[in-house]
C-alpha atoms as a PDB file:
ATOM      1  CA  MET A   1       0.027 240.007 146.980  1.00  0.00           C
ATOM      2  CA  ASP A   2      -2.051 236.906 146.069  1.00  0.00           C
ATOM      3  CA  ILE A   3      -0.773 236.084 142.614  1.00  0.00           C
ATOM      4  CA  ALA A   4      -3.808 233.509 141.929  1.00  0.00           C
ATOM      5  CA  SER A   5      -6.263 236.272 142.392  1.00  0.00           C
ATOM      6  CA  LEU A   6      -4.338 238.759 140.142  1.00  0.00           C
ATOM      7  CA  ILE A   7      -3.720 236.271 137.373  1.00  0.00           C
ATOM      8  CA  GLY A   8      -7.226 234.813 137.652  1.00  0.00           C
ATOM      9  CA  LEU A   9      -8.950 238.275 137.244  1.00  0.00           C
ATOM     10  CA  ILE A  10      -6.723 239.425 134.444  1.00  0.00           C
ATOM     11  CA  GLY A  11      -7.128 236.027 132.696  1.00  0.00           C
ATOM     12  CA  ALA A  12     -10.862 235.925 132.954  1.00  0.00           C
ATOM     13  CA  VAL A  13     -11.293 239.537 131.767  1.00  0.00           C
ATOM     14  CA  GLY A  14      -8.776 238.926 129.088  1.00  0.00           C
ATOM     15  CA  MET A  15     -10.525 235.945 127.757  1.00  0.00           C
ATOM     16  CA  VAL A  16     -13.811 237.720 127.475  1.00  0.00           C
ATOM     17  CA  ILE A  17     -12.255 240.733 125.707  1.00  0.00           C
ATOM     18  CA  GLY A  18     -10.129 238.661 123.459  1.00  0.00           C
ATOM     19  CA  SER A  19     -13.311 236.690 122.338  1.00  0.00           C
ATOM     20  CA  MET A  20     -15.012 240.082 121.601  1.00  0.00           C
ATOM     21  CA  ILE A  21     -11.942 241.163 119.556  1.00  0.00           C
ATOM     22  CA  LEU A  22     -11.862 237.898 117.605  1.00  0.00           C
ATOM     23  CA  ALA A  23     -15.590 238.353 116.971  1.00  0.00           C
ATOM     24  CA  GLY A  24     -14.967 241.639 115.203  1.00  0.00           C
ATOM     25  CA  GLY A  25     -13.858 244.167 117.824  1.00  0.00           C
ATOM     26  CA  VAL A  26     -14.912 245.413 121.170  1.00  0.00           C
ATOM     27  CA  GLY A  27     -16.838 248.512 119.733  1.00  0.00           C
ATOM     28  CA  PRO A  28     -20.215 246.598 119.215  1.00  0.00           C
ATOM     29  CA  PHE A  29     -20.103 245.441 122.819  1.00  0.00           C
ATOM     30  CA  ILE A  30     -19.757 248.955 124.355  1.00  0.00           C
ATOM     31  CA  ASP A  31     -23.125 250.646 124.998  1.00  0.00           C
ATOM     32  CA  ALA A  32     -23.524 253.534 127.654  1.00  0.00           C
ATOM     33  CA  PRO A  33     -27.279 253.051 128.398  1.00  0.00           C
ATOM     34  CA  SER A  34     -26.666 249.353 129.094  1.00  0.00           C
ATOM     35  CA  ALA A  35     -23.664 250.073 131.331  1.00  0.00           C
ATOM     36  CA  ALA A  36     -25.679 252.784 133.234  1.00  0.00           C
ATOM     37  CA  ILE A  37     -28.498 250.298 133.947  1.00  0.00           C
ATOM     38  CA  VAL A  38     -26.307 247.567 135.128  1.00  0.00           C
ATOM     39  CA  ILE A  39     -23.383 249.269 136.735  1.00  0.00           C
ATOM     40  CA  GLY A  40     -25.172 252.320 138.173  1.00  0.00           C
ATOM     41  CA  GLY A  41     -28.379 250.517 138.966  1.00  0.00           C
ATOM     42  CA  THR A  42     -26.515 247.744 140.818  1.00  0.00           C
ATOM     43  CA  PHE A  43     -24.415 250.154 142.813  1.00  0.00           C
ATOM     44  CA  PHE A  44     -27.335 252.030 144.132  1.00  0.00           C
ATOM     45  CA  ALA A  45     -29.436 248.973 144.548  1.00  0.00           C
ATOM     46  CA  VAL A  46     -26.763 247.378 146.613  1.00  0.00           C
ATOM     47  CA  MET A  47     -26.208 250.569 148.593  1.00  0.00           C
ATOM     48  CA  TYR A  48     -29.651 250.433 150.059  1.00  0.00           C
ATOM     49  CA  THR A  49     -29.335 246.742 151.153  1.00  0.00           C
ATOM     50  CA  ALA A  50     -26.972 247.683 153.871  1.00  0.00           C
ATOM     51  CA  PRO A  51     -26.006 250.653 156.107  1.00  0.00           C
ATOM     52  CA  MET A  52     -23.561 253.096 154.525  1.00  0.00           C
ATOM     53  CA  ALA A  53     -20.695 251.909 156.715  1.00  0.00           C
ATOM     54  CA  ASP A  54     -21.223 248.378 155.718  1.00  0.00           C
ATOM     55  CA  PHE A  55     -21.480 249.287 152.059  1.00  0.00           C
ATOM     56  CA  LEU A  56     -18.275 251.190 152.104  1.00  0.00           C
ATOM     57  CA  GLY A  57     -16.488 248.726 154.178  1.00  0.00           C
ATOM     58  CA  SER A  58     -17.261 246.102 151.674  1.00  0.00           C
ATOM     59  CA  PHE A  59     -14.830 247.718 149.181  1.00  0.00           C
ATOM     60  CA  LYS A  60     -12.098 247.504 151.639  1.00  0.00           C
ATOM     61  CA  ALA A  61     -12.995 243.794 152.076  1.00  0.00           C
ATOM     62  CA  MET A  62     -12.727 243.290 148.317  1.00  0.00           C
ATOM     63  CA  ALA A  63      -9.140 244.655 148.423  1.00  0.00           C
ATOM     64  CA  LYS A  64      -8.083 241.759 150.625  1.00  0.00           C
ATOM     65  CA  VAL A  65      -8.677 239.405 147.766  1.00  0.00           C
ATOM     66  CA  PHE A  66      -5.406 240.622 146.348  1.00  0.00           C
ATOM     67  CA  LYS A  67      -3.562 241.288 149.664  1.00  0.00           C
ATOM     68  CA  PRO A  68      -4.849 238.775 152.304  1.00  0.00           C
ATOM     69  CA  SER A  69      -3.742 238.221 155.753  1.00  0.00           C
ATOM     70  CA  THR A  70      -1.356 235.122 156.084  1.00  0.00           C
ATOM     71  CA  PHE A  71      -1.742 232.606 158.654  1.00  0.00           C
ATOM     72  CA  LYS A  72       1.130 230.013 159.112  1.00  0.00           C
ATOM     73  CA  ASN A  73      -0.180 227.215 161.319  1.00  0.00           C
ATOM     74  CA  ASP A  74       3.248 225.480 161.498  1.00  0.00           C
ATOM     75  CA  GLU A  75       4.640 228.634 162.985  1.00  0.00           C
ATOM     76  CA  VAL A  76       1.856 228.798 165.561  1.00  0.00           C
ATOM     77  CA  ILE A  77       2.517 225.149 166.689  1.00  0.00           C
ATOM     78  CA  GLN A  78       6.320 225.888 167.029  1.00  0.00           C
ATOM     79  CA  LYS A  79       5.519 229.014 169.188  1.00  0.00           C
ATOM     80  CA  MET A  80       3.070 227.121 171.372  1.00  0.00           C
ATOM     81  CA  MET A  81       5.848 224.503 171.953  1.00  0.00           C
ATOM     82  CA  GLU A  82       8.241 227.233 172.912  1.00  0.00           C
ATOM     83  CA  PHE A  83       5.773 228.915 175.090  1.00  0.00           C
ATOM     84  CA  ALA A  84       4.829 225.612 176.896  1.00  0.00           C
ATOM     85  CA  ALA A  85       8.374 224.988 177.619  1.00  0.00           C
ATOM     86  CA  ILE A  86       8.960 228.458 179.128  1.00  0.00           C
ATOM     87  CA  ALA A  87       5.760 228.191 181.147  1.00  0.00           C
ATOM     88  CA  ARG A  88       6.571 224.790 182.631  1.00  0.00           C
ATOM     89  CA  LYS A  89      10.063 225.890 183.447  1.00  0.00           C
ATOM     90  CA  ASP A  90       9.522 229.450 184.751  1.00  0.00           C
ATOM     91  CA  GLY A  91       5.901 229.854 185.190  1.00  0.00           C
ATOM     92  CA  MET A  92       3.104 231.774 183.289  1.00  0.00           C
ATOM     93  CA  MET A  93       4.700 235.212 184.321  1.00  0.00           C
ATOM     94  CA  ALA A  94       7.682 234.229 182.149  1.00  0.00           C
ATOM     95  CA  LEU A  95       5.486 234.621 179.038  1.00  0.00           C
ATOM     96  CA  GLU A  96       5.190 238.360 179.556  1.00  0.00           C
ATOM     97  CA  GLY A  97       6.495 240.260 176.578  1.00  0.00           C
ATOM     98  CA  GLN A  98       6.795 237.337 174.310  1.00  0.00           C
ATOM     99  CA  GLU A  99       6.170 238.293 170.685  1.00  0.00           C
ATOM    100  CA  THR A 100       3.506 236.364 168.684  1.00  0.00           C
ATOM    101  CA  GLY A 101       3.210 238.322 165.613  1.00  0.00           C
ATOM    102  CA  ASP A 102      -0.665 238.351 165.793  1.00  0.00           C
ATOM    103  CA  LYS A 103      -2.986 240.493 167.910  1.00  0.00           C
ATOM    104  CA  PHE A 104      -5.366 237.608 168.538  1.00  0.00           C
ATOM    105  CA  PHE A 105      -2.578 235.302 169.651  1.00  0.00           C
ATOM    106  CA  GLN A 106      -0.946 238.132 171.562  1.00  0.00           C
ATOM    107  CA  LYS A 107      -4.311 238.794 173.504  1.00  0.00           C
ATOM    108  CA  GLY A 108      -4.778 235.197 174.443  1.00  0.00           C
ATOM    109  CA  LEU A 109      -1.109 234.885 175.700  1.00  0.00           C
ATOM    110  CA  GLN A 110      -1.661 238.069 177.715  1.00  0.00           C
ATOM    111  CA  MET A 111      -4.674 236.476 179.402  1.00  0.00           C
ATOM    112  CA  LEU A 112      -2.583 233.507 180.434  1.00  0.00           C
ATOM    113  CA  VAL A 113      -0.056 235.845 181.893  1.00  0.00           C
ATOM    114  CA  ASP A 114      -2.710 237.729 183.718  1.00  0.00           C
ATOM    115  CA  GLY A 115      -3.904 234.374 185.407  1.00  0.00           C
ATOM    116  CA  VAL A 116      -7.171 234.052 183.445  1.00  0.00           C
ATOM    117  CA  ASP A 117      -8.453 230.340 183.712  1.00  0.00           C
ATOM    118  CA  GLU A 118      -8.801 228.063 180.849  1.00  0.00           C
ATOM    119  CA  MET A 119     -12.633 228.277 180.668  1.00  0.00           C
ATOM    120  CA  LYS A 120     -12.748 232.027 180.732  1.00  0.00           C
ATOM    121  CA  LEU A 121     -10.029 232.253 178.263  1.00  0.00           C
ATOM    122  CA  THR A 122     -11.724 229.918 175.851  1.00  0.00           C
ATOM    123  CA  LYS A 123     -15.173 231.702 176.135  1.00  0.00           C
ATOM    124  CA  GLN A 124     -13.748 235.125 175.477  1.00  0.00           C
ATOM    125  CA  LEU A 125     -11.553 234.096 172.557  1.00  0.00           C
ATOM    126  CA  LYS A 126     -14.503 232.111 171.010  1.00  0.00           C
ATOM    127  CA  GLN A 127     -16.585 235.282 171.365  1.00  0.00           C
ATOM    128  CA  ASP A 128     -13.832 237.130 169.433  1.00  0.00           C
ATOM    129  CA  ILE A 129     -14.013 234.541 166.607  1.00  0.00           C
ATOM    130  CA  LYS A 130     -17.777 234.820 166.567  1.00  0.00           C
ATOM    131  CA  ALA A 131     -17.557 238.590 166.179  1.00  0.00           C
ATOM    132  CA  MET A 132     -14.940 238.326 163.358  1.00  0.00           C
ATOM    133  CA  LYS A 133     -17.140 235.861 161.524  1.00  0.00           C
ATOM    134  CA  ASP A 134     -20.061 238.269 161.881  1.00  0.00           C
ATOM    135  CA  ARG A 135     -18.052 241.079 160.514  1.00  0.00           C
ATOM    136  CA  HIS A 136     -16.885 238.989 157.583  1.00  0.00           C
ATOM    137  CA  ALA A 137     -20.419 237.671 156.798  1.00  0.00           C
ATOM    138  CA  THR A 138     -21.666 241.289 156.724  1.00  0.00           C
ATOM    139  CA  SER A 139     -19.117 242.374 154.260  1.00  0.00           C
ATOM    140  CA  GLN A 140     -19.595 239.236 152.123  1.00  0.00           C
ATOM    141  CA  GLY A 141     -23.264 239.643 152.172  1.00  0.00           C
ATOM    142  CA  VAL A 142     -23.022 243.173 150.736  1.00  0.00           C
ATOM    143  CA  ILE A 143     -20.690 241.720 147.962  1.00  0.00           C
ATOM    144  CA  LYS A 144     -23.173 238.987 147.270  1.00  0.00           C
ATOM    145  CA  GLY A 145     -25.636 241.688 146.663  1.00  0.00           C
ATOM    146  CA  TRP A 146     -23.706 242.465 143.522  1.00  0.00           C
ATOM    147  CA  VAL A 147     -23.843 238.901 142.443  1.00  0.00           C
ATOM    148  CA  ASP A 148     -27.589 238.712 142.908  1.00  0.00           C
ATOM    149  CA  ILE A 149     -28.632 242.161 141.707  1.00  0.00           C
ATOM    150  CA  ALA A 150     -26.327 242.624 138.604  1.00  0.00           C
ATOM    151  CA  PRO A 151     -28.090 239.882 136.469  1.00  0.00           C
ATOM    152  CA  ALA A 152     -31.497 241.205 137.696  1.00  0.00           C
ATOM    153  CA  MET A 153     -30.476 244.663 136.545  1.00  0.00           C
ATOM    154  CA  GLY A 154     -29.397 243.042 133.257  1.00  0.00           C
ATOM    155  CA  MET A 155     -32.826 241.498 132.874  1.00  0.00           C
ATOM    156  CA  ILE A 156     -34.406 244.939 133.563  1.00  0.00           C
ATOM    157  CA  GLY A 157     -32.253 246.381 130.801  1.00  0.00           C
ATOM    158  CA  THR A 158     -33.273 243.693 128.418  1.00  0.00           C
ATOM    159  CA  LEU A 159     -37.012 244.312 129.187  1.00  0.00           C
ATOM    160  CA  ILE A 160     -36.503 248.123 128.501  1.00  0.00           C
ATOM    161  CA  GLY A 161     -34.792 247.289 125.162  1.00  0.00           C
ATOM    162  CA  LEU A 162     -37.650 245.037 124.128  1.00  0.00           C
ATOM    163  CA  VAL A 163     -40.130 247.611 124.868  1.00  0.00           C
ATOM    164  CA  GLN A 164     -38.161 250.210 122.984  1.00  0.00           C
ATOM    165  CA  MET A 165     -37.792 247.704 120.014  1.00  0.00           C
ATOM    166  CA  LEU A 166     -41.596 246.606 120.054  1.00  0.00           C
ATOM    167  CA  GLY A 167     -42.681 250.319 120.344  1.00  0.00           C
ATOM    168  CA  ASN A 168     -40.737 251.411 117.257  1.00  0.00           C
ATOM    169  CA  MET A 169     -41.202 248.443 114.843  1.00  0.00           C
ATOM    170  CA  ALA A 170     -42.200 250.970 112.226  1.00  0.00           C
ATOM    171  CA  ASP A 171     -38.678 252.505 112.392  1.00  0.00           C
ATOM    172  CA  PRO A 172     -35.941 250.113 111.309  1.00  0.00           C
ATOM    173  CA  LYS A 173     -33.379 252.505 112.556  1.00  0.00           C
ATOM    174  CA  ALA A 174     -34.620 252.262 116.183  1.00  0.00           C
ATOM    175  CA  ILE A 175     -34.533 248.353 116.330  1.00  0.00           C
ATOM    176  CA  GLY A 176     -30.805 247.965 116.281  1.00  0.00           C
ATOM    177  CA  PRO A 177     -30.005 250.332 119.232  1.00  0.00           C
ATOM    178  CA  ALA A 178     -33.003 248.864 121.150  1.00  0.00           C
ATOM    179  CA  MET A 179     -31.578 245.347 120.511  1.00  0.00           C
ATOM    180  CA  ALA A 180     -28.295 246.377 121.691  1.00  0.00           C
ATOM    181  CA  VAL A 181     -29.558 247.610 124.980  1.00  0.00           C
ATOM    182  CA  ALA A 182     -31.665 244.526 125.412  1.00  0.00           C
ATOM    183  CA  LEU A 183     -28.792 242.025 124.775  1.00  0.00           C
ATOM    184  CA  LEU A 184     -25.818 243.910 126.188  1.00  0.00           C
ATOM    185  CA  THR A 185     -27.476 244.552 129.635  1.00  0.00           C
ATOM    186  CA  THR A 186     -27.873 240.812 130.002  1.00  0.00           C
ATOM    187  CA  LEU A 187     -24.273 240.441 129.014  1.00  0.00           C
ATOM    188  CA  TYR A 188     -23.013 243.067 131.497  1.00  0.00           C
ATOM    189  CA  GLY A 189     -25.065 241.678 134.263  1.00  0.00           C
ATOM    190  CA  ALA A 190     -23.676 238.170 133.819  1.00  0.00           C
ATOM    191  CA  PHE A 191     -20.178 239.474 133.421  1.00  0.00           C
ATOM    192  CA  PHE A 192     -20.186 241.528 136.628  1.00  0.00           C
ATOM    193  CA  ALA A 193     -21.843 238.800 138.601  1.00  0.00           C
ATOM    194  CA  ASN A 194     -19.825 235.774 137.411  1.00  0.00           C
ATOM    195  CA  VAL A 195     -16.483 237.117 136.396  1.00  0.00           C
ATOM    196  CA  ILE A 196     -15.854 239.908 138.995  1.00  0.00           C
ATOM    197  CA  PHE A 197     -17.863 239.613 142.188  1.00  0.00           C
ATOM    198  CA  GLY A 198     -18.657 235.895 142.332  1.00  0.00           C
ATOM    199  CA  PRO A 199     -15.190 234.842 142.542  1.00  0.00           C
ATOM    200  CA  ILE A 200     -14.429 237.611 145.005  1.00  0.00           C
ATOM    201  CA  VAL A 201     -17.097 236.174 147.382  1.00  0.00           C
ATOM    202  CA  THR A 202     -15.776 232.657 147.014  1.00  0.00           C
ATOM    203  CA  LYS A 203     -12.156 233.941 147.785  1.00  0.00           C
ATOM    204  CA  LEU A 204     -13.232 235.764 150.714  1.00  0.00           C
ATOM    205  CA  GLU A 205     -15.120 232.935 152.279  1.00  0.00           C
ATOM    206  CA  GLY A 206     -12.025 230.836 151.961  1.00  0.00           C
ATOM    207  CA  TYR A 207      -9.804 233.378 153.669  1.00  0.00           C
ATOM    208  CA  SER A 208     -12.368 233.702 156.378  1.00  0.00           C
ATOM    209  CA  ALA A 209     -12.495 229.938 156.900  1.00  0.00           C
ATOM    210  CA  ALA A 210      -8.646 229.884 156.980  1.00  0.00           C
ATOM    211  CA  GLU A 211      -8.703 232.589 159.625  1.00  0.00           C
ATOM    212  CA  VAL A 212     -11.164 230.807 161.763  1.00  0.00           C
ATOM    213  CA  ASN A 213      -9.106 227.563 161.576  1.00  0.00           C
ATOM    214  CA  TYR A 214      -5.977 229.521 162.574  1.00  0.00           C
ATOM    215  CA  ARG A 215      -7.683 231.186 165.564  1.00  0.00           C
ATOM    216  CA  GLU A 216      -9.268 227.819 166.695  1.00  0.00           C
ATOM    217  CA  LEU A 217      -5.684 226.360 166.577  1.00  0.00           C
ATOM    218  CA  VAL A 218      -4.495 229.215 168.655  1.00  0.00           C
ATOM    219  CA  ILE A 219      -7.116 228.646 171.280  1.00  0.00           C
ATOM    220  CA  GLU A 220      -6.250 224.901 171.381  1.00  0.00           C
ATOM    221  CA  GLY A 221      -2.559 225.664 171.999  1.00  0.00           C
ATOM    222  CA  LEU A 222      -3.277 228.267 174.635  1.00  0.00           C
ATOM    223  CA  ARG A 223      -5.614 225.738 176.473  1.00  0.00           C
ATOM    224  CA  ASN A 224      -2.916 223.249 176.432  1.00  0.00           C
ATOM    225  CA  ILE A 225      -0.433 225.681 178.049  1.00  0.00           C
ATOM    226  CA  ALA A 226      -2.963 226.544 180.626  1.00  0.00           C
ATOM    227  CA  ARG A 227      -3.283 222.994 181.436  1.00  0.00           C
ATOM    228  CA  GLY A 228       0.467 222.645 181.874  1.00  0.00           C
ATOM    229  CA  GLU A 229       0.930 220.282 178.898  1.00  0.00           C
ATOM    230  CA  SER A 230       4.512 219.508 177.691  1.00  0.00           C
ATOM    231  CA  ALA A 231       5.692 220.958 174.329  1.00  0.00           C
ATOM    232  CA  ARG A 232       5.896 217.381 172.852  1.00  0.00           C
ATOM    233  CA  ASN A 233       2.187 216.685 173.777  1.00  0.00           C
ATOM    234  CA  ILE A 234       1.068 220.022 172.423  1.00  0.00           C
ATOM    235  CA  GLN A 235       2.820 219.155 169.102  1.00  0.00           C
ATOM    236  CA  ASP A 236       1.213 215.754 168.914  1.00  0.00           C
ATOM    237  CA  GLN A 237      -2.208 217.335 169.457  1.00  0.00           C
ATOM    238  CA  MET A 238      -1.912 220.159 167.025  1.00  0.00           C
ATOM    239  CA  ILE A 239       0.272 218.804 164.174  1.00  0.00           C
ATOM    240  CA  ASN A 240      -2.727 217.025 162.536  1.00  0.00           C
ATOM    241  CA  VAL A 241      -4.037 220.216 161.044  1.00  0.00           C
ATOM    242  CA  LEU A 242      -0.889 220.473 158.913  1.00  0.00           C
ATOM    243  CA  PRO A 243      -0.350 218.894 155.489  1.00  0.00           C
ATOM    244  CA  PRO A 244       1.852 215.652 155.581  1.00  0.00           C
ATOM    245  CA  LYS A 245       4.981 217.440 154.246  1.00  0.00           C
ATOM    246  CA  GLU A 246       4.771 220.199 156.862  1.00  0.00           C
ATOM    247  CA  GLN A 247       4.241 217.648 159.594  1.00  0.00           C
ATOM    248  CA  GLU A 248       7.338 215.725 158.544  1.00  0.00           C
ATOM    249  CA  LYS A 249       9.251 219.027 158.399  1.00  0.00           C
ATOM    250  CA  LEU A 250       8.201 220.002 161.802  1.00  0.00           C
ATOM    251  CA  LEU A 251       8.927 216.577 163.335  1.00  0.00           C
ATOM    252  CA  ALA A 252      12.362 216.648 161.844  1.00  0.00           C
ATOM    253  CA  ALA A 253      13.113 220.101 163.360  1.00  0.00           C
END
């Protein structure tokens, strides 16, 4: 569980609701027609921006904000050093059955065991990274649809409310509900775009970048093993990606 995501979401929503309560209560900020325009309208508008499989898959991607995959670069470097020592001593076949804890890493290691040369290994694993980035970009694109469309739906609701208000100026009782729709749809659109979905997209982009960096590090390590580099040389080439404190810890091990 990513604590920052959970606390951030609860805190942001809490601050908005808290300000409503301090302003006199949540009741005046609840309006069913406004919610229907923004939530329902955005839901269906986003749905037809992408194939159904991608639309439904975006909700699964959103869940990763709270439970992301973890990538420990220091552990990858340590494993690369261990595998390099084994390969130099006993040959590539000795790497058969070694556990990596990651499917991408395991695939690359098996390719070494199978005798795949460095160029082919690099090309295939780079293709895997590109495919992963494309999948992530597709999901993030759908979620960005919420960020783009929710404020637009809020504006549509505002225009609807203004039309209702201007068309019933003779009836004072109709002005209040019409103004509520006009203002609250804008509020709802801004809330969903900037408090809910905007941070989700930013977080997922960060996770995607971290995974790409991790996979690039795996490729670099496997290439060095394929070349027959020593464990020490591999450490020296890969350690620069780590923060200074982790570098010191790894060097002292």
